[in-house]
């Protein structure tokens, strides 16, 4: 729904650029766990590809800005300067040669301070990438008198407790993203145990696999809960090698 609506709003103003350029669609930077904007960009690209098909044009390519994240602080509570400082320690990679001279559509769900756009522009400049770069958001905070922490109000408006996380995970159409995994791994002992008791083994396995693929096992804030997840599920039985110390 959101991806389709975003595309409809975009094409009203950018049809000429879409019809006359090679296109790449980028979600916000991530390492291994897809962000919420990754799903938004997926459905946006579905609509875009259908539009290109109707005009007998090649489909858009999917791009990725690779990111090695170094922090566990809740980003949504920070100001623009705090966000810039926090993400400055992250490392990024983009394939400059693939996008050189192309039209690149950078998708995100909401523009609060502009730090996402600032970061992407900085990455593009550092790699000396040249092209037509368009930043697309579903919504934007226009009133600068409102503190950027309003983002966390939106982020946790509906899912604000471990009980609601359990309810969400057990929905048929559920898919993990970065925020939900970090939320679970940050839970205190009893709440974490309750989540583990109320989701099935397949979901636990997926949670574990995504977490380690994002190197969360190397972050102190997440280590204890990942160890509990590892020992409490079937992972330790799959091999005679003991990966985690007791």
Protein backbone atom coordinates (compact mmCIF):
# COMPACT_ATOMS: atom_id res chain seq x y z
CA UNK A 1 0.00 0.00 0.00
CA UNK A 2 2.68 2.53 1.03
CA UNK A 3 5.01 1.53 -1.81
CA UNK A 4 2.23 1.91 -4.38
CA UNK A 5 1.17 5.28 -2.98
CA UNK A 6 4.79 6.47 -2.95
CA UNK A 7 5.22 5.48 -6.59
CA UNK A 8 2.02 7.23 -7.67
CA UNK A 9 3.15 10.46 -6.05
CA UNK A 10 6.62 10.13 -7.56
CA UNK A 11 5.59 9.39 -11.15
CA UNK A 12 3.33 12.43 -11.31
CA UNK A 13 6.42 14.64 -11.11
CA UNK A 14 9.18 12.49 -12.60
CA UNK A 15 7.69 10.56 -15.52
CA UNK A 16 10.08 12.13 -18.03
CA UNK A 17 13.16 11.15 -16.03
CA UNK A 18 11.86 7.60 -15.59
CA UNK A 19 11.19 7.15 -19.32
CA UNK A 20 14.53 8.50 -20.47
CA UNK A 21 17.11 7.02 -18.10
CA UNK A 22 18.65 3.82 -16.79
CA UNK A 23 17.26 3.44 -13.27
CA UNK A 24 18.57 2.12 -9.96
CA UNK A 25 16.42 1.86 -6.82
CA UNK A 26 18.17 2.08 -3.44
CA UNK A 27 16.73 1.53 0.05
CA UNK A 28 18.55 3.12 2.99
CA UNK A 29 22.01 1.62 3.71
CA UNK A 30 22.10 -1.72 5.55
CA UNK A 31 24.43 -4.64 6.17
CA UNK A 32 22.45 -7.92 6.20
CA UNK A 33 19.16 -7.23 7.98
CA UNK A 34 16.75 -5.32 5.71
CA UNK A 35 15.47 -2.02 7.06
CA UNK A 36 11.84 -0.96 6.89
CA UNK A 37 12.70 1.18 3.86
CA UNK A 38 13.95 -1.94 2.10
CA UNK A 39 10.39 -3.31 2.01
CA UNK A 40 9.02 0.08 1.01
CA UNK A 41 11.49 0.26 -1.89
CA UNK A 42 10.64 -3.32 -2.93
CA UNK A 43 6.97 -2.50 -3.48
CA UNK A 44 7.85 0.87 -4.99
CA UNK A 45 10.06 -0.95 -7.51
CA UNK A 46 7.26 -3.42 -8.32
CA UNK A 47 5.08 -0.52 -9.40
CA UNK A 48 7.97 1.14 -11.22
CA UNK A 49 8.80 -2.04 -13.15
CA UNK A 50 5.19 -2.47 -14.19
CA UNK A 51 5.16 1.13 -15.43
CA UNK A 52 8.38 0.49 -17.39
CA UNK A 53 6.89 -2.71 -18.84
CA UNK A 54 3.86 -0.79 -20.11
CA UNK A 55 6.25 1.60 -21.83
CA UNK A 56 8.36 -1.23 -23.30
CA UNK A 57 11.43 -0.27 -21.27
CA UNK A 58 13.94 -2.32 -19.24
CA UNK A 59 13.17 -2.83 -15.55
CA UNK A 60 14.97 -0.84 -12.86
CA UNK A 61 18.01 -2.33 -11.16
CA UNK A 62 18.16 -2.85 -7.40
CA UNK A 63 21.08 -1.09 -5.75
CA UNK A 64 22.55 -1.40 -2.28
CA UNK A 65 24.70 0.78 -0.07
CA UNK A 66 26.58 -1.66 2.14
CA UNK A 67 26.85 -0.55 5.74
CA UNK A 68 28.82 -1.75 8.74
CA UNK A 69 26.92 -0.37 11.73
CA UNK A 70 28.80 0.30 14.95
CA UNK A 71 26.14 1.51 17.39
CA UNK A 72 23.09 0.27 19.30
CA UNK A 73 21.71 3.64 20.46
CA UNK A 74 18.13 4.36 19.42
CA UNK A 75 18.58 6.63 16.40
CA UNK A 76 15.04 7.99 16.49
CA UNK A 77 15.65 9.99 19.69
CA UNK A 78 18.55 12.04 18.31
CA UNK A 79 18.92 15.48 16.77
CA UNK A 80 20.46 16.05 13.33
CA UNK A 81 23.93 16.79 14.74
CA UNK A 82 23.76 13.80 17.09
CA UNK A 83 22.73 11.54 14.21
CA UNK A 84 25.56 12.82 12.02
CA UNK A 85 28.10 12.21 14.79
CA UNK A 86 26.73 8.75 15.55
CA UNK A 87 26.76 7.45 11.98
CA UNK A 88 30.15 9.01 11.19
CA UNK A 89 31.82 5.90 12.64
CA UNK A 90 29.93 3.56 10.31
CA UNK A 91 31.61 2.38 7.12
CA UNK A 92 29.86 2.29 3.75
CA UNK A 93 30.43 0.93 0.26
CA UNK A 94 28.67 1.62 -3.03
CA UNK A 95 29.54 0.30 -6.49
CA UNK A 96 30.42 3.57 -8.17
CA UNK A 97 31.00 2.05 -11.60
CA UNK A 98 27.56 0.43 -11.74
CA UNK A 99 25.68 3.68 -11.10
CA UNK A 100 27.91 6.13 -12.97
CA UNK A 101 25.72 8.30 -15.18
CA UNK A 102 22.52 6.54 -14.04
CA UNK A 103 19.37 7.89 -12.42
CA UNK A 104 19.34 6.59 -8.83
CA UNK A 105 16.24 6.69 -6.66
CA UNK A 106 17.03 6.64 -2.93
CA UNK A 107 13.99 5.50 -0.94
CA UNK A 108 13.27 6.08 2.74
CA UNK A 109 10.08 6.09 4.78
CA UNK A 110 10.34 9.51 6.41
CA UNK A 111 12.62 12.55 6.36
CA UNK A 112 13.03 13.91 9.87
CA UNK A 113 16.34 15.80 9.98
CA UNK A 114 17.82 15.01 6.56
CA UNK A 115 20.67 12.99 8.09
CA UNK A 116 19.93 10.01 5.82
CA UNK A 117 20.16 12.20 2.72
CA UNK A 118 23.27 13.92 4.09
CA UNK A 119 24.94 10.55 4.68
CA UNK A 120 24.09 9.20 1.22
CA UNK A 121 25.32 12.39 -0.44
CA UNK A 122 28.54 12.12 1.55
CA UNK A 123 29.00 8.50 0.41
CA UNK A 124 28.36 9.42 -3.23
CA UNK A 125 30.84 12.30 -3.00
CA UNK A 126 33.51 10.15 -1.33
CA UNK A 127 33.25 7.62 -4.17
CA UNK A 128 33.08 10.41 -6.76
CA UNK A 129 29.86 8.95 -8.14
CA UNK A 130 28.20 11.07 -10.80
CA UNK A 131 24.60 10.73 -11.93
CA UNK A 132 21.05 11.95 -11.42
CA UNK A 133 20.28 11.31 -7.74
CA UNK A 134 16.69 11.64 -6.50
CA UNK A 135 15.70 11.23 -2.84
CA UNK A 136 12.16 9.97 -2.28
CA UNK A 137 10.31 9.91 1.06
CA UNK A 138 6.82 8.82 2.00
CA UNK A 139 6.58 11.66 4.55
CA UNK A 140 8.61 14.62 5.81
CA UNK A 141 8.68 16.54 9.07
CA UNK A 142 8.10 20.11 7.91
CA UNK A 143 7.73 21.87 11.27
CA UNK A 144 11.31 22.41 12.48
CA UNK A 145 10.02 23.41 15.92
CA UNK A 146 9.17 19.75 16.55
CA UNK A 147 12.08 17.77 18.05
CA UNK A 148 13.38 14.90 15.87
CA UNK A 149 12.52 12.46 18.67
CA UNK A 150 9.03 12.53 17.14
CA UNK A 151 10.43 9.72 14.98
CA UNK A 152 10.49 7.42 17.99
CA UNK A 153 6.89 8.33 18.74
CA UNK A 154 6.04 6.97 15.30
CA UNK A 155 8.40 4.00 15.58
CA UNK A 156 6.87 2.74 18.83
CA UNK A 157 3.35 4.12 18.56
CA UNK A 158 1.83 0.69 18.02
CA UNK A 159 4.59 -1.79 18.96
CA UNK A 160 5.81 -0.50 22.31
CA UNK A 161 6.16 -3.61 24.50
CA UNK A 162 7.47 -7.17 24.37
CA UNK A 163 3.87 -8.46 24.50
CA UNK A 164 3.06 -6.57 21.30
CA UNK A 165 6.29 -7.82 19.74
CA UNK A 166 5.14 -11.38 20.41
CA UNK A 167 1.77 -10.64 18.83
CA UNK A 168 3.45 -9.08 15.80
CA UNK A 169 5.95 -11.91 15.25
CA UNK A 170 3.18 -14.51 15.36
CA UNK A 171 1.26 -12.84 12.54
CA UNK A 172 1.20 -14.83 9.31
CA UNK A 173 2.77 -12.07 7.18
CA UNK A 174 5.51 -11.07 9.64
CA UNK A 175 9.04 -10.31 8.40
CA UNK A 176 11.98 -9.28 10.60
CA UNK A 177 13.68 -5.92 10.16
CA UNK A 178 16.51 -4.16 11.96
CA UNK A 179 14.41 -2.33 14.55
CA UNK A 180 12.49 -5.38 15.77
CA UNK A 181 15.65 -7.47 16.15
CA UNK A 182 17.44 -4.74 18.09
CA UNK A 183 14.36 -4.28 20.28
CA UNK A 184 14.31 -8.01 21.16
CA UNK A 185 18.05 -8.26 21.80
CA UNK A 186 17.89 -5.24 24.11
CA UNK A 187 15.17 -6.75 26.32
CA UNK A 188 15.81 -7.49 29.99
CA UNK A 189 16.12 -11.17 31.01
CA UNK A 190 12.50 -11.93 31.93
CA UNK A 191 11.00 -10.13 28.94
CA UNK A 192 13.47 -11.73 26.54
CA UNK A 193 12.66 -15.16 27.99
CA UNK A 194 8.94 -14.51 27.56
CA UNK A 195 9.43 -13.61 23.89
CA UNK A 196 11.45 -16.79 23.33
CA UNK A 197 8.77 -18.90 25.01
CA UNK A 198 6.05 -17.53 22.77
CA UNK A 199 7.53 -17.68 19.27
CA UNK A 200 8.21 -20.83 17.27
CA UNK A 201 11.60 -22.37 16.47
CA UNK A 202 11.57 -21.18 12.87
CA UNK A 203 11.23 -17.56 14.00
CA UNK A 204 13.98 -18.05 16.61
CA UNK A 205 16.25 -19.53 13.95
CA UNK A 206 15.60 -16.62 11.59
CA UNK A 207 16.19 -14.11 14.38
CA UNK A 208 19.50 -15.74 15.28
CA UNK A 209 20.70 -16.03 11.69
CA UNK A 210 19.91 -12.41 10.88
CA UNK A 211 21.49 -11.16 14.10
CA UNK A 212 24.81 -12.91 13.54
CA UNK A 213 24.83 -11.98 9.84
CA UNK A 214 24.72 -8.36 11.01
CA UNK A 215 27.58 -8.98 13.48
CA UNK A 216 25.37 -8.31 16.49
CA UNK A 217 27.19 -11.09 18.35
CA UNK A 218 30.21 -8.74 18.41
CA UNK A 219 28.31 -5.98 20.22
CA UNK A 220 28.35 -6.14 24.01
CA UNK A 221 24.73 -4.99 24.37
CA UNK A 222 23.46 -8.00 22.43
CA UNK A 223 25.85 -10.80 23.39
CA UNK A 224 24.03 -12.18 26.44
CA UNK A 225 20.64 -12.53 24.79
CA UNK A 226 22.20 -14.07 21.67
CA UNK A 227 23.94 -16.65 23.85
CA UNK A 228 20.62 -17.49 25.50
CA UNK A 229 18.99 -17.80 22.10
CA UNK A 230 21.80 -20.03 20.85
CA UNK A 231 21.76 -22.39 23.83
CA UNK A 232 17.99 -22.42 24.13
CA UNK A 233 17.30 -23.44 20.56
CA UNK A 234 18.59 -26.24 18.32
CA UNK A 235 21.77 -24.52 17.11
CA UNK A 236 24.14 -26.09 19.63
CA UNK A 237 22.96 -29.60 18.68
CA UNK A 238 23.82 -29.24 15.00
CA UNK A 239 27.56 -29.61 15.43
CA UNK A 240 30.01 -31.06 17.92
CA UNK A 241 31.97 -27.81 17.88
CA UNK A 242 31.13 -25.53 20.78
CA UNK A 243 31.09 -21.99 19.43
CA UNK A 244 29.97 -20.19 22.56
CA UNK A 245 31.53 -20.45 26.00
CA UNK A 246 29.08 -21.28 28.77
